[in-house]
N, C-alpha and C. Protein backbone atom coordinates (compact mmCIF):
# COMPACT_ATOMS: atom_id res chain seq x y z
N MET A 1 -87.89 93.31 101.43
CA MET A 1 -88.84 94.13 101.72
C MET A 1 -88.27 95.60 101.77
N GLU A 2 -88.95 96.51 101.12
CA GLU A 2 -88.17 97.93 101.11
C GLU A 2 -89.19 98.76 102.09
N LEU A 3 -88.49 99.48 103.14
CA LEU A 3 -89.22 100.33 104.00
C LEU A 3 -88.27 101.71 103.93
N ARG A 4 -89.05 102.66 103.87
CA ARG A 4 -88.45 104.09 103.87
C ARG A 4 -88.56 104.87 105.00
N GLY A 5 -87.58 105.49 105.48
CA GLY A 5 -87.69 106.34 106.78
C GLY A 5 -86.40 107.06 106.82
N GLU A 6 -86.35 107.97 107.90
CA GLU A 6 -85.35 108.76 108.11
C GLU A 6 -84.36 108.18 109.25
N ILE A 7 -83.03 108.16 109.02
CA ILE A 7 -82.19 107.75 110.02
C ILE A 7 -82.05 108.65 111.21
N THR A 8 -82.17 108.22 112.38
CA THR A 8 -82.21 109.11 113.59
C THR A 8 -81.05 108.84 114.40
N ARG A 9 -80.32 107.70 114.24
CA ARG A 9 -79.13 107.29 115.09
C ARG A 9 -78.41 106.23 114.39
N ILE A 10 -77.08 106.36 114.63
CA ILE A 10 -76.21 105.44 114.01
C ILE A 10 -75.22 104.88 115.12
N ASP A 11 -75.25 103.74 115.47
CA ASP A 11 -74.33 103.06 116.57
C ASP A 11 -73.22 102.25 115.68
N GLU A 12 -72.13 102.99 115.50
CA GLU A 12 -71.08 102.30 114.70
C GLU A 12 -70.48 101.16 115.44
N GLU A 13 -70.28 101.17 116.81
CA GLU A 13 -69.64 100.27 117.50
C GLU A 13 -70.46 98.98 117.54
N GLY A 14 -71.84 99.05 117.69
CA GLY A 14 -72.70 97.97 117.68
C GLY A 14 -73.23 97.48 116.26
N GLY A 15 -72.92 98.39 115.20
CA GLY A 15 -73.30 97.94 113.98
C GLY A 15 -74.85 98.17 113.69
N LYS A 16 -75.46 99.00 114.42
CA LYS A 16 -76.93 99.24 114.34
C LYS A 16 -77.27 100.68 113.88
N VAL A 17 -78.40 100.72 113.25
CA VAL A 17 -78.97 101.90 112.75
C VAL A 17 -80.60 102.09 113.15
N THR A 18 -80.80 103.14 113.67
CA THR A 18 -82.26 103.36 114.19
C THR A 18 -82.89 104.29 113.11
N ILE A 19 -84.00 103.81 112.59
CA ILE A 19 -84.83 104.47 111.46
C ILE A 19 -86.23 104.89 111.96
N ASP A 20 -86.68 106.04 111.63
CA ASP A 20 -87.98 106.50 111.92
C ASP A 20 -88.97 106.13 110.83
N LEU A 21 -89.82 105.08 111.06
CA LEU A 21 -90.81 104.58 110.13
C LEU A 21 -92.13 104.89 110.67
N GLY A 22 -92.29 105.89 111.45
CA GLY A 22 -93.57 106.27 112.11
C GLY A 22 -93.31 105.79 113.49
N THR A 23 -92.59 104.72 113.67
CA THR A 23 -92.22 104.17 115.08
C THR A 23 -90.68 103.97 114.82
N LEU A 24 -89.82 104.04 115.91
CA LEU A 24 -88.43 103.78 115.78
C LEU A 24 -88.14 102.39 115.54
N VAL A 25 -87.38 102.03 114.58
CA VAL A 25 -86.86 100.68 114.45
C VAL A 25 -85.34 100.69 114.28
N THR A 26 -84.81 99.59 115.05
CA THR A 26 -83.36 99.58 115.08
C THR A 26 -82.93 98.23 114.23
N VAL A 27 -82.13 98.35 113.25
CA VAL A 27 -81.73 97.21 112.40
C VAL A 27 -80.19 97.25 112.27
N ASP A 28 -79.73 96.06 111.83
CA ASP A 28 -78.30 95.82 111.46
C ASP A 28 -77.91 96.73 110.28
N MET A 29 -76.66 97.38 110.36
CA MET A 29 -76.24 98.41 109.31
C MET A 29 -76.23 97.71 107.94
N ASP A 30 -75.80 96.40 108.01
CA ASP A 30 -75.71 95.69 106.63
C ASP A 30 -76.99 95.45 106.03
N LYS A 31 -78.18 95.65 106.65
CA LYS A 31 -79.43 95.48 106.13
C LYS A 31 -80.02 96.74 105.53
N VAL A 32 -79.37 97.84 105.67
CA VAL A 32 -79.86 99.20 105.24
C VAL A 32 -79.00 99.59 103.98
N ARG A 33 -79.85 100.17 103.07
CA ARG A 33 -79.27 100.67 101.88
C ARG A 33 -79.64 102.22 101.71
N LEU A 34 -78.70 103.08 101.45
CA LEU A 34 -78.90 104.44 101.31
C LEU A 34 -79.62 104.90 99.94
N ILE A 35 -80.76 105.35 99.82
CA ILE A 35 -81.41 105.56 98.64
C ILE A 35 -81.06 107.01 98.11
N GLU A 36 -81.07 107.95 99.07
CA GLU A 36 -80.75 109.29 98.50
C GLU A 36 -80.12 110.02 99.77
N LYS A 37 -79.05 110.91 99.31
CA LYS A 37 -78.24 111.49 100.36
C LYS A 37 -79.12 112.53 101.16
N TYR A 38 -78.66 112.93 102.38
CA TYR A 38 -79.33 113.95 103.31
C TYR A 38 -79.30 115.27 102.72
N ARG A 39 -80.31 116.03 102.55
CA ARG A 39 -80.32 117.38 102.19
C ARG A 39 -80.99 118.13 103.19
N PRO A 40 -80.27 119.15 103.73
CA PRO A 40 -81.06 120.05 104.83
C PRO A 40 -82.12 120.70 104.20
N PRO A 41 -83.07 121.14 104.97
CA PRO A 41 -84.30 121.93 104.46
C PRO A 41 -83.80 123.21 103.99
N LYS A 42 -84.42 123.76 102.90
CA LYS A 42 -83.98 124.94 102.38
C LYS A 42 -84.83 126.13 103.09
N ARG A 43 -84.17 127.26 103.22
CA ARG A 43 -84.83 128.36 103.89
C ARG A 43 -85.68 129.08 102.88
N LYS A 44 -86.79 129.66 103.28
CA LYS A 44 -87.67 130.41 102.27
C LYS A 44 -87.14 131.85 102.21
N ARG A 45 -86.54 132.41 103.32
CA ARG A 45 -86.07 133.68 103.43
C ARG A 45 -84.66 133.60 103.88
N PRO A 46 -83.79 134.57 103.37
CA PRO A 46 -82.33 134.60 103.99
C PRO A 46 -82.29 134.88 105.41
N LEU A 47 -81.32 134.21 106.07
CA LEU A 47 -81.24 134.46 107.46
C LEU A 47 -81.16 135.82 107.97
N ARG A 48 -80.44 136.73 107.35
CA ARG A 48 -80.25 138.21 107.81
C ARG A 48 -81.77 138.79 107.69
N ASP A 49 -82.70 138.39 106.94
CA ASP A 49 -83.95 139.05 106.86
C ASP A 49 -84.67 138.66 108.19
N MET A 50 -84.50 137.52 108.73
CA MET A 50 -85.23 137.00 109.78
C MET A 50 -84.76 137.67 111.16
N VAL A 51 -83.67 138.31 111.31
CA VAL A 51 -83.19 139.03 112.47
C VAL A 51 -83.48 140.50 112.31
N ASP A 52 -84.58 140.99 112.77
CA ASP A 52 -85.03 142.41 112.82
C ASP A 52 -85.32 142.86 114.02
């Protein structure tokens, strides 16, 4: 089964990952596959224009 969501927390010691699927779901790391890398949101205006 493939479910898509945003990773909100990684517990490396416990081997768990929390994913936001509309509700938070915690699963074992070995059950999760990375589909695309994280890309931060792009700004519409440069930062220096925002400080006036």
